[in-house]
């Protein structure tokens, strides 16, 4: 595996991408490109938590995917800054697909909490003119092939999701509609895998329910798993990523990884 830190902009050390690129397969029978997963950790748009970065990347790498952890801009100057960072990341993967041996038609975005909101934002806005102009590429380069969302905050209809307005838009309520990604699902939204817990008190499960209803309206394929118990921020649900509060996560939720991997192969 090649591990490399890549700056998204020459003028700044942040944002950046931690890339985990698997070794090329050289035998003629198996020489092929791999799928890739871009991971967008949570952190309430105040920071990007390491707990939802490398541990998640290792799970997908073990399943044969190149992985890329995006540390996007937080508390940004413009509401679209984190979305621009994610858009530039997927363009980077597609433009380097030959060198990194990436199947450019098999790129997933896996986001958690606020990072789930960011992932879903690219899922609904990839074909919008404002985003192609912002990044300077054709829209087709921006489309994720699928979304994987863990306990995401998605809708301003859920009162506890309003922190998105506070953090991304400096409290400007005029951006509430833009930040409610459930309102912008279309027939061009990619397939979605979601998981949540019913008692999540930070990003309530209603976020996923509301988004699922919007996906259903446009007949977008999705798979959703709601586990009865478990705190917010469980990541891959293992001791080594939850050491600050041991024994409070729900082991049942650990199966989301295998469920997501099976779904990706369908």
C-alpha atoms as a PDB file:
ATOM      1  CA  UNK A   1       0.000   0.000   0.000  1.00  0.00           C
ATOM      2  CA  UNK A   2       1.159   3.516  -0.782  1.00  0.00           C
ATOM      3  CA  UNK A   3       0.146   6.102   1.811  1.00  0.00           C
ATOM      4  CA  UNK A   4       0.396   9.704   0.725  1.00  0.00           C
ATOM      5  CA  UNK A   5      -0.899  13.066   1.926  1.00  0.00           C
ATOM      6  CA  UNK A   6      -2.105  15.212  -0.972  1.00  0.00           C
ATOM      7  CA  UNK A   7      -2.858  18.918  -0.767  1.00  0.00           C
ATOM      8  CA  UNK A   8      -5.969  19.994  -2.669  1.00  0.00           C
ATOM      9  CA  UNK A   9      -4.694  23.527  -3.203  1.00  0.00           C
ATOM     10  CA  UNK A  10      -1.091  24.602  -3.768  1.00  0.00           C
ATOM     11  CA  UNK A  11      -1.541  27.685  -1.622  1.00  0.00           C
ATOM     12  CA  UNK A  12      -2.600  25.913   1.570  1.00  0.00           C
ATOM     13  CA  UNK A  13      -1.753  22.848   3.667  1.00  0.00           C
ATOM     14  CA  UNK A  14      -5.440  22.419   4.436  1.00  0.00           C
ATOM     15  CA  UNK A  15      -7.673  20.896   3.105  1.00  0.00           C
ATOM     16  CA  UNK A  16      -5.869  17.679   2.259  1.00  0.00           C
ATOM     17  CA  UNK A  17      -6.498  14.063   1.345  1.00  0.00           C
ATOM     18  CA  UNK A  18      -4.862  11.041   2.971  1.00  0.00           C
ATOM     19  CA  UNK A  19      -4.589   8.486   0.161  1.00  0.00           C
ATOM     20  CA  UNK A  20      -4.264   4.734   0.718  1.00  0.00           C
ATOM     21  CA  UNK A  21      -3.494   3.285  -2.709  1.00  0.00           C
ATOM     22  CA  UNK A  22      -3.271  -0.480  -2.930  1.00  0.00           C
ATOM     23  CA  UNK A  23      -0.451  -2.152  -4.811  1.00  0.00           C
ATOM     24  CA  UNK A  24      -1.095  -2.854  -8.473  1.00  0.00           C
ATOM     25  CA  UNK A  25      -2.065  -6.382  -9.405  1.00  0.00           C
ATOM     26  CA  UNK A  26       0.392  -7.409 -12.107  1.00  0.00           C
ATOM     27  CA  UNK A  27      -0.596 -10.866 -13.223  1.00  0.00           C
ATOM     28  CA  UNK A  28      -2.297 -10.822 -16.657  1.00  0.00           C
ATOM     29  CA  UNK A  29      -5.307 -12.703 -15.323  1.00  0.00           C
ATOM     30  CA  UNK A  30      -6.035 -10.241 -12.544  1.00  0.00           C
ATOM     31  CA  UNK A  31      -4.564  -6.961 -13.821  1.00  0.00           C
ATOM     32  CA  UNK A  32      -7.513  -4.640 -13.389  1.00  0.00           C
ATOM     33  CA  UNK A  33      -8.497  -1.355 -11.844  1.00  0.00           C
ATOM     34  CA  UNK A  34     -10.040  -1.241  -8.392  1.00  0.00           C
ATOM     35  CA  UNK A  35     -12.975   0.718  -7.061  1.00  0.00           C
ATOM     36  CA  UNK A  36     -12.289   3.637  -4.749  1.00  0.00           C
ATOM     37  CA  UNK A  37     -13.948   5.053  -1.648  1.00  0.00           C
ATOM     38  CA  UNK A  38     -13.671   8.693  -0.595  1.00  0.00           C
ATOM     39  CA  UNK A  39     -14.302   9.035   3.146  1.00  0.00           C
ATOM     40  CA  UNK A  40     -15.667  12.252   4.647  1.00  0.00           C
ATOM     41  CA  UNK A  41     -15.399  12.133   8.458  1.00  0.00           C
ATOM     42  CA  UNK A  42     -17.816  13.927  10.744  1.00  0.00           C
ATOM     43  CA  UNK A  43     -17.154  16.567  13.340  1.00  0.00           C
ATOM     44  CA  UNK A  44     -20.084  18.931  13.073  1.00  0.00           C
ATOM     45  CA  UNK A  45     -18.227  21.058  10.508  1.00  0.00           C
ATOM     46  CA  UNK A  46     -15.995  22.183  13.421  1.00  0.00           C
ATOM     47  CA  UNK A  47     -13.259  19.599  12.714  1.00  0.00           C
ATOM     48  CA  UNK A  48     -12.813  16.249  10.956  1.00  0.00           C
ATOM     49  CA  UNK A  49     -12.537  13.425  13.464  1.00  0.00           C
ATOM     50  CA  UNK A  50      -9.746  10.875  13.036  1.00  0.00           C
ATOM     51  CA  UNK A  51     -12.091   8.208  14.403  1.00  0.00           C
ATOM     52  CA  UNK A  52     -14.011   8.220  11.117  1.00  0.00           C
ATOM     53  CA  UNK A  53     -10.937   8.502   8.911  1.00  0.00           C
ATOM     54  CA  UNK A  54      -8.191   5.886   8.767  1.00  0.00           C
ATOM     55  CA  UNK A  55     -10.105   3.130  10.651  1.00  0.00           C
ATOM     56  CA  UNK A  56     -12.832   3.320   8.007  1.00  0.00           C
ATOM     57  CA  UNK A  57     -10.280   3.485   5.207  1.00  0.00           C
ATOM     58  CA  UNK A  58      -8.652   0.270   6.444  1.00  0.00           C
ATOM     59  CA  UNK A  59     -11.983  -1.582   6.355  1.00  0.00           C
ATOM     60  CA  UNK A  60     -12.567  -0.713   2.708  1.00  0.00           C
ATOM     61  CA  UNK A  61      -8.902  -1.274   1.814  1.00  0.00           C
ATOM     62  CA  UNK A  62      -9.127  -4.782   3.298  1.00  0.00           C
ATOM     63  CA  UNK A  63     -12.015  -5.400   0.904  1.00  0.00           C
ATOM     64  CA  UNK A  64      -9.885  -4.352  -2.077  1.00  0.00           C
ATOM     65  CA  UNK A  65     -10.737  -0.670  -2.537  1.00  0.00           C
ATOM     66  CA  UNK A  66      -8.362   2.249  -2.845  1.00  0.00           C
ATOM     67  CA  UNK A  67      -9.361   4.692  -0.112  1.00  0.00           C
ATOM     68  CA  UNK A  68      -9.045   8.452   0.298  1.00  0.00           C
ATOM     69  CA  UNK A  69      -9.833  10.347   3.517  1.00  0.00           C
ATOM     70  CA  UNK A  70     -10.793  13.965   2.848  1.00  0.00           C
ATOM     71  CA  UNK A  71     -10.030  16.527   5.560  1.00  0.00           C
ATOM     72  CA  UNK A  72     -12.257  19.254   4.147  1.00  0.00           C
ATOM     73  CA  UNK A  73     -12.524  22.869   5.234  1.00  0.00           C
ATOM     74  CA  UNK A  74     -14.497  23.416   8.435  1.00  0.00           C
ATOM     75  CA  UNK A  75     -16.114  26.577   9.808  1.00  0.00           C
ATOM     76  CA  UNK A  76     -15.673  27.764   6.220  1.00  0.00           C
ATOM     77  CA  UNK A  77     -15.759  31.254   4.756  1.00  0.00           C
ATOM     78  CA  UNK A  78     -18.324  30.187   2.140  1.00  0.00           C
ATOM     79  CA  UNK A  79     -21.126  27.685   2.541  1.00  0.00           C
ATOM     80  CA  UNK A  80     -19.903  25.797  -0.541  1.00  0.00           C
ATOM     81  CA  UNK A  81     -16.245  25.425   0.552  1.00  0.00           C
ATOM     82  CA  UNK A  82     -16.469  21.831   1.887  1.00  0.00           C
ATOM     83  CA  UNK A  83     -18.516  20.792  -1.154  1.00  0.00           C
ATOM     84  CA  UNK A  84     -15.886  22.281  -3.455  1.00  0.00           C
ATOM     85  CA  UNK A  85     -13.219  20.288  -1.582  1.00  0.00           C
ATOM     86  CA  UNK A  86     -15.129  17.040  -2.103  1.00  0.00           C
ATOM     87  CA  UNK A  87     -15.820  17.850  -5.755  1.00  0.00           C
ATOM     88  CA  UNK A  88     -12.125  18.505  -6.365  1.00  0.00           C
ATOM     89  CA  UNK A  89     -11.274  15.217  -4.675  1.00  0.00           C
ATOM     90  CA  UNK A  90     -13.464  13.104  -6.945  1.00  0.00           C
ATOM     91  CA  UNK A  91     -12.104  14.966  -9.984  1.00  0.00           C
ATOM     92  CA  UNK A  92      -8.562  14.232  -8.771  1.00  0.00           C
ATOM     93  CA  UNK A  93      -9.364  10.519  -8.575  1.00  0.00           C
ATOM     94  CA  UNK A  94     -10.822  10.412 -12.055  1.00  0.00           C
ATOM     95  CA  UNK A  95      -7.966  12.415 -13.592  1.00  0.00           C
ATOM     96  CA  UNK A  96      -5.405  10.108 -11.951  1.00  0.00           C
ATOM     97  CA  UNK A  97      -7.389   6.930 -12.505  1.00  0.00           C
ATOM     98  CA  UNK A  98      -4.858   5.422 -14.910  1.00  0.00           C
ATOM     99  CA  UNK A  99      -1.842   6.060 -12.656  1.00  0.00           C
ATOM    100  CA  UNK A 100      -3.603   4.922  -9.481  1.00  0.00           C
ATOM    101  CA  UNK A 101      -5.463   2.090 -11.245  1.00  0.00           C
ATOM    102  CA  UNK A 102      -8.890   3.327 -10.194  1.00  0.00           C
ATOM    103  CA  UNK A 103     -12.077   2.217 -11.900  1.00  0.00           C
ATOM    104  CA  UNK A 104     -13.411   5.721 -12.515  1.00  0.00           C
ATOM    105  CA  UNK A 105     -16.953   4.356 -12.801  1.00  0.00           C
ATOM    106  CA  UNK A 106     -16.758   2.768  -9.346  1.00  0.00           C
ATOM    107  CA  UNK A 107     -16.177   5.641  -6.915  1.00  0.00           C
ATOM    108  CA  UNK A 108     -18.186   5.745  -3.694  1.00  0.00           C
ATOM    109  CA  UNK A 109     -18.446   8.507  -1.092  1.00  0.00           C
ATOM    110  CA  UNK A 110     -18.696   7.304   2.507  1.00  0.00           C
ATOM    111  CA  UNK A 111     -19.625  10.047   4.973  1.00  0.00           C
ATOM    112  CA  UNK A 112     -20.479  10.169   8.665  1.00  0.00           C
ATOM    113  CA  UNK A 113     -22.606  12.712  10.543  1.00  0.00           C
ATOM    114  CA  UNK A 114     -21.718  16.131   9.068  1.00  0.00           C
ATOM    115  CA  UNK A 115     -19.502  14.257   6.611  1.00  0.00           C
ATOM    116  CA  UNK A 116     -22.630  12.326   5.626  1.00  0.00           C
ATOM    117  CA  UNK A 117     -24.296  15.639   4.887  1.00  0.00           C
ATOM    118  CA  UNK A 118     -21.316  16.595   2.737  1.00  0.00           C
ATOM    119  CA  UNK A 119     -21.412  13.279   0.855  1.00  0.00           C
ATOM    120  CA  UNK A 120     -25.152  13.615   0.246  1.00  0.00           C
ATOM    121  CA  UNK A 121     -24.647  17.204  -0.907  1.00  0.00           C
ATOM    122  CA  UNK A 122     -22.384  16.031  -3.723  1.00  0.00           C
ATOM    123  CA  UNK A 123     -24.953  13.325  -4.479  1.00  0.00           C
ATOM    124  CA  UNK A 124     -27.701  15.881  -5.084  1.00  0.00           C
ATOM    125  CA  UNK A 125     -25.673  18.808  -6.480  1.00  0.00           C
ATOM    126  CA  UNK A 126     -23.132  17.073  -8.745  1.00  0.00           C
ATOM    127  CA  UNK A 127     -25.092  18.019 -11.881  1.00  0.00           C
ATOM    128  CA  UNK A 128     -25.705  21.664 -10.929  1.00  0.00           C
ATOM    129  CA  UNK A 129     -24.055  24.397 -12.945  1.00  0.00           C
ATOM    130  CA  UNK A 130     -22.818  26.299  -9.893  1.00  0.00           C
ATOM    131  CA  UNK A 131     -20.645  23.343  -8.885  1.00  0.00           C
ATOM    132  CA  UNK A 132     -19.130  22.718 -12.325  1.00  0.00           C
ATOM    133  CA  UNK A 133     -18.295  26.435 -12.553  1.00  0.00           C
ATOM    134  CA  UNK A 134     -16.786  26.388  -9.069  1.00  0.00           C
ATOM    135  CA  UNK A 135     -14.483  23.484  -9.880  1.00  0.00           C
ATOM    136  CA  UNK A 136     -13.976  24.252 -13.570  1.00  0.00           C
ATOM    137  CA  UNK A 137     -14.887  20.850 -15.012  1.00  0.00           C
ATOM    138  CA  UNK A 138     -17.785  19.159 -16.776  1.00  0.00           C
ATOM    139  CA  UNK A 139     -20.463  17.838 -14.429  1.00  0.00           C
ATOM    140  CA  UNK A 140     -19.945  14.203 -15.428  1.00  0.00           C
ATOM    141  CA  UNK A 141     -16.602  14.180 -13.602  1.00  0.00           C
ATOM    142  CA  UNK A 142     -18.348  15.110 -10.346  1.00  0.00           C
ATOM    143  CA  UNK A 143     -20.913  12.330 -10.040  1.00  0.00           C
ATOM    144  CA  UNK A 144     -20.376   9.744  -7.279  1.00  0.00           C
ATOM    145  CA  UNK A 145     -21.371   6.227  -8.293  1.00  0.00           C
ATOM    146  CA  UNK A 146     -22.901   5.554  -4.878  1.00  0.00           C
ATOM    147  CA  UNK A 147     -23.250   7.077  -1.409  1.00  0.00           C
ATOM    148  CA  UNK A 148     -22.702   5.403   1.961  1.00  0.00           C
ATOM    149  CA  UNK A 149     -24.077   7.488   4.836  1.00  0.00           C
ATOM    150  CA  UNK A 150     -23.514   6.759   8.524  1.00  0.00           C
ATOM    151  CA  UNK A 151     -25.791   8.548  11.007  1.00  0.00           C
ATOM    152  CA  UNK A 152     -25.987  11.597   8.704  1.00  0.00           C
ATOM    153  CA  UNK A 153     -27.495  15.008   9.365  1.00  0.00           C
ATOM    154  CA  UNK A 154     -29.477  15.775   6.232  1.00  0.00           C
ATOM    155  CA  UNK A 155     -32.605  17.830   6.757  1.00  0.00           C
ATOM    156  CA  UNK A 156     -33.398  21.210   8.271  1.00  0.00           C
ATOM    157  CA  UNK A 157     -36.795  19.711   9.133  1.00  0.00           C
ATOM    158  CA  UNK A 158     -35.002  18.034  12.040  1.00  0.00           C
ATOM    159  CA  UNK A 159     -34.288  20.742  14.646  1.00  0.00           C
ATOM    160  CA  UNK A 160     -30.923  19.296  15.686  1.00  0.00           C
ATOM    161  CA  UNK A 161     -29.680  19.551  12.098  1.00  0.00           C
ATOM    162  CA  UNK A 162     -29.840  23.326  12.243  1.00  0.00           C
ATOM    163  CA  UNK A 163     -26.230  23.440  13.421  1.00  0.00           C
ATOM    164  CA  UNK A 164     -25.489  23.184   9.692  1.00  0.00           C
ATOM    165  CA  UNK A 165     -26.815  26.702   9.260  1.00  0.00           C
ATOM    166  CA  UNK A 166     -24.791  27.894  12.236  1.00  0.00           C
ATOM    167  CA  UNK A 167     -21.507  26.302  11.139  1.00  0.00           C
ATOM    168  CA  UNK A 168     -21.687  26.390   7.346  1.00  0.00           C
ATOM    169  CA  UNK A 169     -23.694  29.549   6.781  1.00  0.00           C
ATOM    170  CA  UNK A 170     -22.805  31.586   9.866  1.00  0.00           C
ATOM    171  CA  UNK A 171     -26.418  31.407  11.005  1.00  0.00           C
ATOM    172  CA  UNK A 172     -27.809  32.779   7.733  1.00  0.00           C
ATOM    173  CA  UNK A 173     -31.227  31.098   7.519  1.00  0.00           C
ATOM    174  CA  UNK A 174     -31.449  31.884   3.798  1.00  0.00           C
ATOM    175  CA  UNK A 175     -29.171  28.876   3.235  1.00  0.00           C
ATOM    176  CA  UNK A 176     -31.481  26.464   5.072  1.00  0.00           C
ATOM    177  CA  UNK A 177     -33.092  25.253   1.849  1.00  0.00           C
ATOM    178  CA  UNK A 178     -29.709  24.702   0.180  1.00  0.00           C
ATOM    179  CA  UNK A 179     -28.481  22.720   3.184  1.00  0.00           C
ATOM    180  CA  UNK A 180     -31.618  20.535   3.321  1.00  0.00           C
ATOM    181  CA  UNK A 181     -30.339  17.945   0.881  1.00  0.00           C
ATOM    182  CA  UNK A 182     -33.548  15.934   1.143  1.00  0.00           C
ATOM    183  CA  UNK A 183     -35.254  18.712  -0.845  1.00  0.00           C
ATOM    184  CA  UNK A 184     -32.834  18.376  -3.755  1.00  0.00           C
ATOM    185  CA  UNK A 185     -32.962  14.669  -4.536  1.00  0.00           C
ATOM    186  CA  UNK A 186     -33.627  14.060  -8.230  1.00  0.00           C
ATOM    187  CA  UNK A 187     -33.634  11.212 -10.715  1.00  0.00           C
ATOM    188  CA  UNK A 188     -29.879  11.843 -11.084  1.00  0.00           C
ATOM    189  CA  UNK A 189     -29.063  11.128  -7.436  1.00  0.00           C
ATOM    190  CA  UNK A 190     -26.868   8.001  -7.118  1.00  0.00           C
ATOM    191  CA  UNK A 191     -27.883   4.909  -5.118  1.00  0.00           C
ATOM    192  CA  UNK A 192     -27.589   5.237  -1.344  1.00  0.00           C
ATOM    193  CA  UNK A 193     -26.746   2.989   1.614  1.00  0.00           C
ATOM    194  CA  UNK A 194     -27.656   4.447   5.030  1.00  0.00           C
ATOM    195  CA  UNK A 195     -27.348   3.301   8.600  1.00  0.00           C
ATOM    196  CA  UNK A 196     -28.463   4.953  11.825  1.00  0.00           C
ATOM    197  CA  UNK A 197     -29.498   4.112  15.366  1.00  0.00           C
ATOM    198  CA  UNK A 198     -33.007   4.766  16.597  1.00  0.00           C
ATOM    199  CA  UNK A 199     -31.820   6.516  19.755  1.00  0.00           C
ATOM    200  CA  UNK A 200     -29.186   8.782  18.168  1.00  0.00           C
ATOM    201  CA  UNK A 201     -29.600  12.035  20.077  1.00  0.00           C
ATOM    202  CA  UNK A 202     -27.081  14.102  18.085  1.00  0.00           C
ATOM    203  CA  UNK A 203     -28.250  13.548  14.501  1.00  0.00           C
ATOM    204  CA  UNK A 204     -31.663  11.938  15.021  1.00  0.00           C
ATOM    205  CA  UNK A 205     -32.729   9.031  12.839  1.00  0.00           C
ATOM    206  CA  UNK A 206     -35.463  11.197  11.290  1.00  0.00           C
ATOM    207  CA  UNK A 207     -32.725  12.572   9.028  1.00  0.00           C
ATOM    208  CA  UNK A 208     -32.380   9.205   7.312  1.00  0.00           C
ATOM    209  CA  UNK A 209     -36.129   8.586   7.220  1.00  0.00           C
ATOM    210  CA  UNK A 210     -36.806  11.925   5.536  1.00  0.00           C
ATOM    211  CA  UNK A 211     -34.023  11.371   3.007  1.00  0.00           C
ATOM    212  CA  UNK A 212     -35.315   7.868   2.271  1.00  0.00           C
ATOM    213  CA  UNK A 213     -38.761   9.276   1.482  1.00  0.00           C
ATOM    214  CA  UNK A 214     -37.198  11.677  -1.028  1.00  0.00           C
ATOM    215  CA  UNK A 215     -35.213   8.847  -2.608  1.00  0.00           C
ATOM    216  CA  UNK A 216     -38.384   6.773  -2.891  1.00  0.00           C
ATOM    217  CA  UNK A 217     -40.199   9.616  -4.611  1.00  0.00           C
ATOM    218  CA  UNK A 218     -37.631   9.536  -7.420  1.00  0.00           C
ATOM    219  CA  UNK A 219     -37.229   5.734  -7.393  1.00  0.00           C
ATOM    220  CA  UNK A 220     -33.568   5.943  -6.395  1.00  0.00           C
ATOM    221  CA  UNK A 221     -32.326   2.560  -5.137  1.00  0.00           C
ATOM    222  CA  UNK A 222     -31.378   2.631  -1.484  1.00  0.00           C
ATOM    223  CA  UNK A 223     -30.767   0.324   1.453  1.00  0.00           C
ATOM    224  CA  UNK A 224     -31.305   1.549   5.005  1.00  0.00           C
ATOM    225  CA  UNK A 225     -30.550  -0.126   8.328  1.00  0.00           C
ATOM    226  CA  UNK A 226     -31.811   1.287  11.629  1.00  0.00           C
ATOM    227  CA  UNK A 227     -30.309  -0.385  14.687  1.00  0.00           C
ATOM    228  CA  UNK A 228     -32.268   0.012  17.939  1.00  0.00           C
ATOM    229  CA  UNK A 229     -29.440   1.236  20.176  1.00  0.00           C
ATOM    230  CA  UNK A 230     -26.097   2.977  19.952  1.00  0.00           C
ATOM    231  CA  UNK A 231     -24.614   6.445  20.433  1.00  0.00           C
ATOM    232  CA  UNK A 232     -23.725   8.879  17.702  1.00  0.00           C
ATOM    233  CA  UNK A 233     -20.260   8.587  16.154  1.00  0.00           C
ATOM    234  CA  UNK A 234     -19.644   4.828  16.297  1.00  0.00           C
ATOM    235  CA  UNK A 235     -17.447   4.686  13.200  1.00  0.00           C
ATOM    236  CA  UNK A 236     -16.500   1.013  12.597  1.00  0.00           C
ATOM    237  CA  UNK A 237     -17.720   0.057  16.106  1.00  0.00           C
ATOM    238  CA  UNK A 238     -14.492  -1.352  17.503  1.00  0.00           C
ATOM    239  CA  UNK A 239     -12.609  -0.729  20.755  1.00  0.00           C
ATOM    240  CA  UNK A 240      -9.566   0.850  19.145  1.00  0.00           C
ATOM    241  CA  UNK A 241     -11.600   3.705  17.662  1.00  0.00           C
ATOM    242  CA  UNK A 242     -13.804   4.338  20.676  1.00  0.00           C
ATOM    243  CA  UNK A 243     -11.269   4.414  23.496  1.00  0.00           C
ATOM    244  CA  UNK A 244     -12.484   7.751  24.889  1.00  0.00           C
ATOM    245  CA  UNK A 245     -15.817   6.180  25.916  1.00  0.00           C
ATOM    246  CA  UNK A 246     -15.332   2.408  26.059  1.00  0.00           C
ATOM    247  CA  UNK A 247     -18.190  -0.065  26.288  1.00  0.00           C
ATOM    248  CA  UNK A 248     -20.962   2.358  25.328  1.00  0.00           C
ATOM    249  CA  UNK A 249     -21.148   1.581  21.639  1.00  0.00           C
ATOM    250  CA  UNK A 250     -23.473  -1.094  20.289  1.00  0.00           C
ATOM    251  CA  UNK A 251     -21.688  -4.183  18.880  1.00  0.00           C
ATOM    252  CA  UNK A 252     -24.735  -4.969  16.726  1.00  0.00           C
ATOM    253  CA  UNK A 253     -23.968  -1.888  14.635  1.00  0.00           C
ATOM    254  CA  UNK A 254     -20.587  -3.304  13.565  1.00  0.00           C
ATOM    255  CA  UNK A 255     -22.319  -5.299  10.851  1.00  0.00           C
ATOM    256  CA  UNK A 256     -22.884  -2.124   8.820  1.00  0.00           C
ATOM    257  CA  UNK A 257     -19.464  -2.608   7.206  1.00  0.00           C
ATOM    258  CA  UNK A 258     -20.240  -6.052   5.775  1.00  0.00           C
ATOM    259  CA  UNK A 259     -23.747  -4.956   4.821  1.00  0.00           C
ATOM    260  CA  UNK A 260     -22.345  -1.987   2.921  1.00  0.00           C
ATOM    261  CA  UNK A 261     -19.709  -4.108   1.151  1.00  0.00           C
ATOM    262  CA  UNK A 262     -22.355  -6.598   0.012  1.00  0.00           C
ATOM    263  CA  UNK A 263     -24.568  -3.739  -1.189  1.00  0.00           C
ATOM    264  CA  UNK A 264     -21.666  -2.222  -3.177  1.00  0.00           C
ATOM    265  CA  UNK A 265     -21.310  -5.450  -5.149  1.00  0.00           C
ATOM    266  CA  UNK A 266     -24.963  -5.636  -6.160  1.00  0.00           C
END
